[in-house]
Amino acid sequence: MKHDDEGQKYYYPVEGRTDGAIGDAVAFIAIILLPAGMYAAWNTLASWISALFS
């Protein structure tokens, strides 16, 4: 049985490559950026309280 088109011999489907991209971005924000933001906010608050009472 002959292949329909010789150009289709090297076809690789790419449909599923970005399926989890949005979920991965949300996980990145939740795991990396959220704790970093909380740390920065806490340090800002602590320095403000320290300046207020000094």
C-alpha atoms as a PDB file:
ATOM      1  CA  MET A   1       0.000   0.000   0.000  1.00  0.00           C
ATOM      2  CA  LYS A   2       1.558   3.273  -1.135  1.00  0.00           C
ATOM      3  CA  HIS A   3       1.609   6.355   1.028  1.00  0.00           C
ATOM      4  CA  ASP A   4      -0.699   9.117  -0.253  1.00  0.00           C
ATOM      5  CA  ASP A   5       1.840  11.929  -0.240  1.00  0.00           C
ATOM      6  CA  GLU A   6       5.599  11.673   0.011  1.00  0.00           C
ATOM      7  CA  GLY A   7       5.675  14.941   2.007  1.00  0.00           C
ATOM      8  CA  GLN A   8       3.611  13.375   4.748  1.00  0.00           C
ATOM      9  CA  LYS A   9       6.346  10.869   5.509  1.00  0.00           C
ATOM     10  CA  TYR A  10       7.992  13.244   7.987  1.00  0.00           C
ATOM     11  CA  TYR A  11       4.857  14.569   9.639  1.00  0.00           C
ATOM     12  CA  TYR A  12       4.923  14.657  13.415  1.00  0.00           C
ATOM     13  CA  PRO A  13       1.810  15.753  15.270  1.00  0.00           C
ATOM     14  CA  VAL A  14       2.329  18.718  17.598  1.00  0.00           C
ATOM     15  CA  GLU A  15      -1.200  19.151  18.906  1.00  0.00           C
ATOM     16  CA  GLY A  16      -0.499  17.994  22.442  1.00  0.00           C
ATOM     17  CA  ARG A  17       2.616  19.979  23.183  1.00  0.00           C
ATOM     18  CA  THR A  18       0.978  22.934  24.954  1.00  0.00           C
ATOM     19  CA  ASP A  19      -1.840  21.111  26.721  1.00  0.00           C
ATOM     20  CA  GLY A  20      -0.564  21.847  30.233  1.00  0.00           C
ATOM     21  CA  ALA A  21       0.998  25.264  29.612  1.00  0.00           C
ATOM     22  CA  ILE A  22      -1.610  27.260  31.532  1.00  0.00           C
ATOM     23  CA  GLY A  23      -1.606  24.827  34.433  1.00  0.00           C
ATOM     24  CA  ASP A  24       2.185  24.878  34.510  1.00  0.00           C
ATOM     25  CA  ALA A  25       2.179  28.678  34.602  1.00  0.00           C
ATOM     26  CA  VAL A  26      -0.302  28.698  37.485  1.00  0.00           C
ATOM     27  CA  ALA A  27       1.795  26.146  39.358  1.00  0.00           C
ATOM     28  CA  PHE A  28       4.918  28.245  38.762  1.00  0.00           C
ATOM     29  CA  ILE A  29       3.183  31.315  40.169  1.00  0.00           C
ATOM     30  CA  ALA A  30       1.826  29.404  43.151  1.00  0.00           C
ATOM     31  CA  ILE A  31       5.088  27.633  44.012  1.00  0.00           C
ATOM     32  CA  ILE A  32       7.726  30.256  43.168  1.00  0.00           C
ATOM     33  CA  LEU A  33       6.274  33.739  42.896  1.00  0.00           C
ATOM     34  CA  LEU A  34       3.667  33.595  45.653  1.00  0.00           C
ATOM     35  CA  PRO A  35       6.099  32.718  48.489  1.00  0.00           C
ATOM     36  CA  ALA A  36       8.596  35.271  47.138  1.00  0.00           C
ATOM     37  CA  GLY A  37       5.889  37.934  47.151  1.00  0.00           C
ATOM     38  CA  MET A  38       4.807  37.001  50.644  1.00  0.00           C
ATOM     39  CA  TYR A  39       8.422  37.197  51.822  1.00  0.00           C
ATOM     40  CA  ALA A  40       8.848  40.653  50.279  1.00  0.00           C
ATOM     41  CA  ALA A  41       5.545  41.853  51.766  1.00  0.00           C
ATOM     42  CA  TRP A  42       6.487  40.548  55.212  1.00  0.00           C
ATOM     43  CA  ASN A  43       9.880  42.270  55.085  1.00  0.00           C
ATOM     44  CA  THR A  44       8.227  45.510  54.002  1.00  0.00           C
ATOM     45  CA  LEU A  45       5.690  45.295  56.815  1.00  0.00           C
ATOM     46  CA  ALA A  46       8.350  44.396  59.390  1.00  0.00           C
ATOM     47  CA  SER A  47      10.583  47.279  58.355  1.00  0.00           C
ATOM     48  CA  TRP A  48       7.591  49.673  58.449  1.00  0.00           C
ATOM     49  CA  ILE A  49       6.659  48.501  61.963  1.00  0.00           C
ATOM     50  CA  SER A  50      10.304  48.754  63.033  1.00  0.00           C
ATOM     51  CA  ALA A  51      10.536  52.317  61.699  1.00  0.00           C
ATOM     52  CA  LEU A  52       7.256  53.220  63.380  1.00  0.00           C
ATOM     53  CA  PHE A  53       8.423  52.164  66.833  1.00  0.00           C
ATOM     54  CA  SER A  54      12.017  53.344  66.623  1.00  0.00           C
END
